Amino acid sequence: MPMLDLYRAAGIFAHEFPIRHVVERIEKLNPAWIHPMHGGSFRQDMFPKYATALCENEFAYPGILLGREIAKVAPM
């Protein structure tokens, strides 16, 4: 996950909870296509893998920006 590590180090990810909440809402809608961000799209049959990746991996901002701690991380 080098891209996620880069994003996390740069501090561009927020807390994981709101993202996981949206994943649950999308799952209930059962859309034919999913259009996340950055121009990527995928069909419904790939959504379980996408949801699993977001729900089982840490990706949130850890309170470190460019290698330096700048704030305490909010508890989950």
N, C-alpha and C. Protein backbone atom coordinates (compact mmCIF):
# COMPACT_ATOMS: atom_id res chain seq x y z
N MET A 1 0.80 -1.18 0.00
CA MET A 1 0.00 0.00 0.00
C MET A 1 0.86 1.26 0.00
N PRO A 2 1.82 1.39 -0.89
CA PRO A 2 2.68 2.57 -0.90
C PRO A 2 1.89 3.87 -1.09
N MET A 3 0.84 3.85 -1.91
CA MET A 3 0.07 5.07 -2.14
C MET A 3 -0.60 5.50 -0.84
N LEU A 4 -1.20 4.55 -0.11
CA LEU A 4 -1.84 4.90 1.16
C LEU A 4 -0.82 5.42 2.16
N ASP A 5 0.37 4.83 2.17
CA ASP A 5 1.41 5.31 3.07
C ASP A 5 1.80 6.75 2.74
N LEU A 6 1.89 7.05 1.46
CA LEU A 6 2.22 8.42 1.04
C LEU A 6 1.12 9.39 1.44
N TYR A 7 -0.13 9.02 1.18
CA TYR A 7 -1.26 9.87 1.55
C TYR A 7 -1.33 10.07 3.06
N ARG A 8 -1.10 9.01 3.81
CA ARG A 8 -1.14 9.09 5.28
C ARG A 8 -0.03 10.02 5.77
N ALA A 9 1.17 9.89 5.22
CA ALA A 9 2.30 10.72 5.63
C ALA A 9 2.06 12.19 5.30
N ALA A 10 1.37 12.44 4.21
CA ALA A 10 1.08 13.83 3.82
C ALA A 10 -0.09 14.40 4.60
N GLY A 11 -0.84 13.56 5.29
CA GLY A 11 -1.94 14.01 6.12
C GLY A 11 -3.22 14.32 5.37
N ILE A 12 -3.46 13.63 4.23
CA ILE A 12 -4.66 13.97 3.46
C ILE A 12 -5.87 13.10 3.77
N PHE A 13 -5.71 12.07 4.57
CA PHE A 13 -6.85 11.25 4.96
C PHE A 13 -7.40 11.73 6.29
N ALA A 14 -8.69 11.80 6.39
CA ALA A 14 -9.34 12.16 7.65
C ALA A 14 -9.53 10.91 8.48
N HIS A 15 -10.47 10.95 9.37
CA HIS A 15 -10.77 9.81 10.23
C HIS A 15 -11.41 8.68 9.41
N GLU A 16 -11.22 7.44 9.82
CA GLU A 16 -11.76 6.29 9.10
C GLU A 16 -13.26 6.12 9.30
N PHE A 17 -13.78 6.53 10.46
CA PHE A 17 -15.19 6.31 10.76
C PHE A 17 -16.14 6.86 9.70
N PRO A 18 -16.04 8.12 9.27
CA PRO A 18 -17.01 8.63 8.28
C PRO A 18 -16.94 7.87 6.96
N ILE A 19 -15.75 7.47 6.58
CA ILE A 19 -15.60 6.74 5.31
C ILE A 19 -16.26 5.37 5.42
N ARG A 20 -16.03 4.69 6.52
CA ARG A 20 -16.65 3.37 6.71
C ARG A 20 -18.16 3.48 6.81
N HIS A 21 -18.65 4.56 7.38
CA HIS A 21 -20.10 4.78 7.46
C HIS A 21 -20.69 4.92 6.05
N VAL A 22 -20.01 5.65 5.19
CA VAL A 22 -20.48 5.82 3.81
C VAL A 22 -20.44 4.49 3.07
N VAL A 23 -19.41 3.69 3.31
CA VAL A 23 -19.33 2.36 2.68
C VAL A 23 -20.56 1.53 3.03
N GLU A 24 -20.96 1.58 4.30
CA GLU A 24 -22.16 0.84 4.73
C GLU A 24 -23.41 1.36 4.03
N ARG A 25 -23.50 2.67 3.87
CA ARG A 25 -24.67 3.26 3.20
C ARG A 25 -24.71 2.88 1.73
N ILE A 26 -23.55 2.90 1.08
CA ILE A 26 -23.49 2.51 -0.33
C ILE A 26 -23.87 1.05 -0.49
N GLU A 27 -23.40 0.21 0.41
CA GLU A 27 -23.71 -1.21 0.36
C GLU A 27 -25.22 -1.44 0.39
N LYS A 28 -25.94 -0.69 1.22
CA LYS A 28 -27.39 -0.83 1.31
C LYS A 28 -28.09 -0.37 0.03
N LEU A 29 -27.50 0.59 -0.68
CA LEU A 29 -28.09 1.07 -1.93
C LEU A 29 -27.93 0.07 -3.08
N ASN A 30 -26.90 -0.76 -2.99
CA ASN A 30 -26.63 -1.78 -4.00
C ASN A 30 -26.56 -1.20 -5.42
N PRO A 31 -25.71 -0.18 -5.64
CA PRO A 31 -25.64 0.45 -6.96
C PRO A 31 -24.99 -0.46 -8.00
N ALA A 32 -25.36 -0.26 -9.26
CA ALA A 32 -24.78 -1.04 -10.36
C ALA A 32 -23.33 -0.63 -10.61
N TRP A 33 -23.02 0.65 -10.43
CA TRP A 33 -21.67 1.18 -10.62
C TRP A 33 -21.28 2.02 -9.41
N ILE A 34 -19.99 2.02 -9.07
CA ILE A 34 -19.46 2.84 -8.00
C ILE A 34 -18.40 3.74 -8.61
N HIS A 35 -18.48 5.03 -8.29
CA HIS A 35 -17.53 6.02 -8.81
C HIS A 35 -16.87 6.71 -7.61
N PRO A 36 -15.82 6.11 -7.03
CA PRO A 36 -15.22 6.69 -5.82
C PRO A 36 -14.56 8.05 -6.11
N MET A 37 -13.27 8.10 -6.23
CA MET A 37 -12.56 9.37 -6.47
C MET A 37 -11.51 9.16 -7.55
N HIS A 38 -10.99 10.24 -8.02
CA HIS A 38 -9.87 10.26 -8.95
C HIS A 38 -10.19 9.57 -10.27
N GLY A 39 -11.45 9.57 -10.67
CA GLY A 39 -11.82 9.09 -11.99
C GLY A 39 -12.01 7.60 -12.11
N GLY A 40 -11.76 6.83 -11.07
CA GLY A 40 -11.94 5.39 -11.14
C GLY A 40 -13.39 5.00 -10.96
N SER A 41 -13.81 3.97 -11.64
CA SER A 41 -15.17 3.44 -11.51
C SER A 41 -15.10 1.92 -11.56
N PHE A 42 -16.05 1.27 -10.90
CA PHE A 42 -16.10 -0.18 -10.98
C PHE A 42 -17.53 -0.65 -10.81
N ARG A 43 -17.76 -1.87 -11.28
CA ARG A 43 -19.10 -2.45 -11.22
C ARG A 43 -19.40 -3.02 -9.84
N GLN A 44 -20.66 -3.29 -9.65
CA GLN A 44 -21.19 -3.81 -8.39
C GLN A 44 -20.46 -5.07 -7.91
N ASP A 45 -20.05 -5.93 -8.82
CA ASP A 45 -19.42 -7.19 -8.41
C ASP A 45 -18.06 -6.98 -7.72
N MET A 46 -17.45 -5.81 -7.89
CA MET A 46 -16.17 -5.52 -7.24
C MET A 46 -16.34 -4.82 -5.90
N PHE A 47 -17.55 -4.37 -5.60
CA PHE A 47 -17.77 -3.60 -4.38
C PHE A 47 -17.38 -4.35 -3.11
N PRO A 48 -17.66 -5.66 -2.98
CA PRO A 48 -17.26 -6.35 -1.75
C PRO A 48 -15.76 -6.24 -1.46
N LYS A 49 -14.92 -6.33 -2.48
CA LYS A 49 -13.47 -6.20 -2.27
C LYS A 49 -13.10 -4.78 -1.85
N TYR A 50 -13.74 -3.81 -2.48
CA TYR A 50 -13.52 -2.40 -2.15
C TYR A 50 -13.92 -2.13 -0.70
N ALA A 51 -15.10 -2.60 -0.32
CA ALA A 51 -15.60 -2.40 1.03
C ALA A 51 -14.70 -3.09 2.06
N THR A 52 -14.27 -4.29 1.77
CA THR A 52 -13.39 -5.02 2.67
C THR A 52 -12.08 -4.27 2.87
N ALA A 53 -11.52 -3.76 1.79
CA ALA A 53 -10.25 -3.02 1.89
C ALA A 53 -10.41 -1.78 2.78
N LEU A 54 -11.51 -1.05 2.61
CA LEU A 54 -11.72 0.15 3.42
C LEU A 54 -12.07 -0.16 4.87
N CYS A 55 -12.73 -1.26 5.10
CA CYS A 55 -13.18 -1.58 6.46
C CYS A 55 -12.15 -2.36 7.28
N GLU A 56 -11.21 -3.00 6.63
CA GLU A 56 -10.25 -3.83 7.37
C GLU A 56 -8.83 -3.26 7.42
N ASN A 57 -8.58 -2.15 6.74
CA ASN A 57 -7.24 -1.56 6.72
C ASN A 57 -7.26 -0.17 7.33
N GLU A 58 -6.20 0.16 8.03
CA GLU A 58 -6.06 1.51 8.59
C GLU A 58 -5.56 2.43 7.49
N PHE A 59 -6.15 3.60 7.38
CA PHE A 59 -5.71 4.56 6.39
C PHE A 59 -5.82 5.99 6.86
N ALA A 60 -6.33 6.20 8.05
CA ALA A 60 -6.59 7.55 8.55
C ALA A 60 -5.32 8.31 8.89
N TYR A 61 -5.48 9.59 8.99
CA TYR A 61 -4.41 10.49 9.39
C TYR A 61 -3.95 10.15 10.80
N PRO A 62 -2.66 9.86 11.01
CA PRO A 62 -2.18 9.44 12.33
C PRO A 62 -1.67 10.58 13.21
N GLY A 63 -1.84 11.84 12.79
CA GLY A 63 -1.34 12.95 13.59
C GLY A 63 0.10 13.31 13.28
N ILE A 64 0.62 12.78 12.20
CA ILE A 64 1.99 13.06 11.79
C ILE A 64 1.96 13.65 10.39
N LEU A 65 2.63 14.78 10.23
CA LEU A 65 2.69 15.43 8.93
C LEU A 65 4.14 15.53 8.50
N LEU A 66 4.45 14.88 7.39
CA LEU A 66 5.82 14.85 6.87
C LEU A 66 6.82 14.40 7.94
N GLY A 67 6.42 13.37 8.69
CA GLY A 67 7.30 12.76 9.68
C GLY A 67 7.31 13.42 11.04
N ARG A 68 6.52 14.48 11.23
CA ARG A 68 6.52 15.19 12.52
C ARG A 68 5.13 15.16 13.14
N GLU A 69 5.07 14.82 14.44
CA GLU A 69 3.79 14.81 15.13
C GLU A 69 3.31 16.24 15.32
N ILE A 70 2.05 16.47 14.91
CA ILE A 70 1.53 17.84 15.06
C ILE A 70 0.28 17.91 15.90
N ALA A 71 -0.37 16.79 16.15
CA ALA A 71 -1.60 16.82 16.95
C ALA A 71 -1.91 15.42 17.47
N LYS A 72 -2.69 15.38 18.49
CA LYS A 72 -3.18 14.11 18.98
C LYS A 72 -4.27 13.60 18.06
N VAL A 73 -4.30 12.30 17.82
CA VAL A 73 -5.33 11.68 16.98
C VAL A 73 -6.58 11.45 17.79
N ALA A 74 -7.73 11.77 17.24
CA ALA A 74 -9.00 11.54 17.93
C ALA A 74 -9.22 10.03 18.10
N PRO A 75 -9.74 9.61 19.25
CA PRO A 75 -10.01 8.18 19.44
C PRO A 75 -11.13 7.70 18.54
N MET A 76 -11.10 6.44 18.17
CA MET A 76 -12.14 5.87 17.33
C MET A 76 -13.24 5.36 18.19
